[in-house]
N, C-alpha and C. Protein backbone atom coordinates (compact mmCIF):
# COMPACT_ATOMS: atom_id res chain seq x y z
N MET A 1 88.20 39.87 57.57
CA MET A 1 89.58 39.44 57.58
C MET A 1 89.65 37.95 57.93
N LEU A 2 90.54 37.26 57.28
CA LEU A 2 90.71 35.83 57.52
C LEU A 2 91.46 35.58 58.82
N ASP A 3 91.09 34.53 59.50
CA ASP A 3 91.80 34.08 60.68
C ASP A 3 92.84 33.06 60.23
N ARG A 4 94.11 33.37 60.40
CA ARG A 4 95.18 32.52 59.88
C ARG A 4 95.16 31.12 60.48
N GLN A 5 94.88 31.00 61.77
CA GLN A 5 94.86 29.68 62.39
C GLN A 5 93.73 28.81 61.83
N LYS A 6 92.58 29.41 61.61
CA LYS A 6 91.47 28.66 61.00
C LYS A 6 91.84 28.23 59.58
N LEU A 7 92.46 29.14 58.85
CA LEU A 7 92.88 28.83 57.49
C LEU A 7 93.88 27.67 57.47
N GLU A 8 94.86 27.70 58.36
CA GLU A 8 95.84 26.61 58.43
C GLU A 8 95.17 25.29 58.80
N THR A 9 94.21 25.34 59.70
CA THR A 9 93.48 24.13 60.08
C THR A 9 92.73 23.55 58.88
N ILE A 10 92.10 24.41 58.11
CA ILE A 10 91.37 23.96 56.92
C ILE A 10 92.35 23.34 55.92
N LEU A 11 93.48 23.99 55.71
CA LEU A 11 94.47 23.47 54.76
C LEU A 11 95.01 22.11 55.19
N VAL A 12 95.28 21.95 56.48
CA VAL A 12 95.80 20.68 56.99
C VAL A 12 94.77 19.57 56.81
N ARG A 13 93.51 19.89 57.06
CA ARG A 13 92.45 18.88 56.89
C ARG A 13 92.22 18.56 55.42
N ARG A 14 92.32 19.57 54.57
CA ARG A 14 92.07 19.37 53.13
C ARG A 14 93.23 18.65 52.46
N PHE A 15 94.46 18.92 52.93
CA PHE A 15 95.66 18.34 52.34
C PHE A 15 96.48 17.66 53.45
N PRO A 16 96.03 16.49 53.91
CA PRO A 16 96.67 15.84 55.07
C PRO A 16 98.13 15.48 54.87
N GLY A 17 98.60 15.33 53.64
CA GLY A 17 100.00 14.98 53.41
C GLY A 17 100.93 16.18 53.28
N ALA A 18 100.38 17.39 53.39
CA ALA A 18 101.19 18.59 53.22
C ALA A 18 102.13 18.79 54.40
N THR A 19 103.33 19.27 54.10
CA THR A 19 104.30 19.57 55.15
C THR A 19 103.92 20.90 55.81
N PRO A 20 104.42 21.15 57.02
CA PRO A 20 104.16 22.45 57.66
C PRO A 20 104.60 23.64 56.79
N ASP A 21 105.71 23.48 56.07
CA ASP A 21 106.16 24.56 55.18
C ASP A 21 105.17 24.81 54.06
N GLN A 22 104.62 23.75 53.49
CA GLN A 22 103.65 23.90 52.41
C GLN A 22 102.38 24.57 52.92
N VAL A 23 101.96 24.20 54.11
CA VAL A 23 100.76 24.83 54.70
C VAL A 23 101.02 26.31 54.93
N ALA A 24 102.20 26.65 55.45
CA ALA A 24 102.53 28.05 55.73
C ALA A 24 102.59 28.88 54.44
N VAL A 25 103.21 28.34 53.41
CA VAL A 25 103.30 29.05 52.13
C VAL A 25 101.90 29.26 51.55
N SER A 26 101.08 28.23 51.61
CA SER A 26 99.71 28.33 51.09
C SER A 26 98.91 29.36 51.86
N ALA A 27 99.04 29.34 53.18
CA ALA A 27 98.32 30.32 54.01
C ALA A 27 98.78 31.74 53.69
N ASN A 28 100.09 31.92 53.51
CA ASN A 28 100.59 33.25 53.15
C ASN A 28 100.00 33.73 51.84
N ALA A 29 99.93 32.84 50.86
CA ALA A 29 99.39 33.21 49.55
C ALA A 29 97.91 33.58 49.66
N ILE A 30 97.16 32.79 50.40
CA ILE A 30 95.73 33.05 50.53
C ILE A 30 95.48 34.33 51.32
N MET A 31 96.25 34.56 52.37
CA MET A 31 96.08 35.77 53.17
C MET A 31 96.34 37.02 52.34
N GLY A 32 97.24 36.93 51.36
CA GLY A 32 97.57 38.08 50.54
C GLY A 32 96.62 38.33 49.39
N LEU A 33 95.65 37.45 49.17
CA LEU A 33 94.74 37.60 48.03
C LEU A 33 93.85 38.83 48.13
N ASP A 34 93.43 39.19 49.32
CA ASP A 34 92.46 40.28 49.46
C ASP A 34 92.94 41.59 48.86
N ASP A 35 94.19 41.94 49.10
CA ASP A 35 94.67 43.24 48.65
C ASP A 35 95.08 43.26 47.19
N GLU A 36 95.64 42.16 46.72
CA GLU A 36 96.26 42.15 45.41
C GLU A 36 95.36 41.59 44.30
N TRP A 37 94.40 40.77 44.67
CA TRP A 37 93.59 40.07 43.67
C TRP A 37 92.12 40.35 43.87
N GLU A 38 91.38 40.25 42.78
CA GLU A 38 89.93 40.38 42.85
C GLU A 38 89.29 39.23 42.08
N GLU A 39 88.16 38.79 42.57
CA GLU A 39 87.45 37.70 41.91
C GLU A 39 86.73 38.24 40.69
N VAL A 40 86.76 37.47 39.61
CA VAL A 40 86.16 37.89 38.35
C VAL A 40 85.15 36.84 37.92
N PRO A 41 83.94 37.25 37.57
CA PRO A 41 83.01 36.25 37.04
C PRO A 41 83.53 35.71 35.72
N CYS A 42 83.43 34.43 35.54
CA CYS A 42 83.97 33.81 34.34
C CYS A 42 82.98 32.77 33.84
N HIS A 43 82.46 33.00 32.65
CA HIS A 43 81.48 32.08 32.09
C HIS A 43 81.87 31.62 30.69
N ASP A 44 83.06 31.99 30.24
CA ASP A 44 83.44 31.75 28.85
C ASP A 44 84.30 30.51 28.64
N PHE A 45 84.78 29.90 29.67
CA PHE A 45 85.70 28.78 29.51
C PHE A 45 84.92 27.47 29.52
N GLN A 46 84.86 26.85 28.38
CA GLN A 46 84.05 25.64 28.23
C GLN A 46 84.54 24.50 29.12
N GLU A 47 85.84 24.36 29.25
CA GLU A 47 86.37 23.28 30.10
C GLU A 47 85.96 23.47 31.55
N LEU A 48 86.04 24.70 32.04
CA LEU A 48 85.61 24.96 33.41
C LEU A 48 84.12 24.68 33.56
N ALA A 49 83.36 25.00 32.55
CA ALA A 49 81.92 24.74 32.60
C ALA A 49 81.64 23.25 32.70
N THR A 50 82.39 22.47 31.93
CA THR A 50 82.20 21.03 31.96
C THR A 50 82.53 20.47 33.34
N GLN A 51 83.66 20.91 33.89
CA GLN A 51 84.06 20.44 35.22
C GLN A 51 83.09 20.94 36.28
N SER A 52 82.61 22.15 36.11
CA SER A 52 81.64 22.71 37.06
C SER A 52 80.36 21.90 37.07
N ALA A 53 79.94 21.46 35.88
CA ALA A 53 78.74 20.64 35.79
C ALA A 53 78.90 19.31 36.52
N ASP A 54 80.16 18.88 36.64
CA ASP A 54 80.45 17.64 37.37
C ASP A 54 80.61 17.88 38.87
N GLY A 55 80.37 19.11 39.32
CA GLY A 55 80.40 19.40 40.75
C GLY A 55 81.62 20.16 41.24
N ALA A 56 82.59 20.45 40.36
CA ALA A 56 83.78 21.20 40.78
C ALA A 56 83.42 22.67 40.95
N GLU A 57 84.12 23.35 41.84
CA GLU A 57 83.91 24.78 42.06
C GLU A 57 85.18 25.51 41.72
N PHE A 58 85.05 26.63 41.02
CA PHE A 58 86.20 27.42 40.61
C PHE A 58 86.01 28.87 41.00
N ARG A 59 87.12 29.55 41.20
CA ARG A 59 87.14 30.99 41.36
C ARG A 59 88.21 31.51 40.44
N VAL A 60 87.85 32.44 39.60
CA VAL A 60 88.79 33.04 38.66
C VAL A 60 89.20 34.38 39.26
N LEU A 61 90.52 34.57 39.39
CA LEU A 61 91.04 35.78 40.00
C LEU A 61 91.90 36.53 39.01
N ARG A 62 91.96 37.85 39.16
CA ARG A 62 92.89 38.64 38.36
C ARG A 62 93.56 39.65 39.29
N ARG A 63 94.78 40.01 38.91
CA ARG A 63 95.54 40.97 39.70
C ARG A 63 94.94 42.36 39.49
N ARG A 64 94.74 43.07 40.57
CA ARG A 64 94.22 44.43 40.47
C ARG A 64 95.26 45.36 39.87
N PRO A 65 94.83 46.35 39.11
CA PRO A 65 95.80 47.31 38.57
C PRO A 65 96.48 48.09 39.70
N VAL A 66 97.70 48.45 39.45
CA VAL A 66 98.48 49.15 40.49
C VAL A 66 98.03 50.58 40.61
C-alpha cells in the first residue's frame, strides 16, 4: 500500500510549481490506481519506443473489467 504523505512529498519535489490542490488531486488519482487499473506490457507503440530509447520511462495502464 502506498503511503500518501510520501507520495505527496515526491509529487511536490517532482513538480515544485504545483499548487496544494494539484498535489492533492494527483495523489488521489495515484492512490486509486491499484484497485481500478492494471499495468499492461506495451511494446507496439513506435513513438514510445523512440522516447524510451532516449531514456524516458512509461507505464501503460488499462482499466480492469468490472
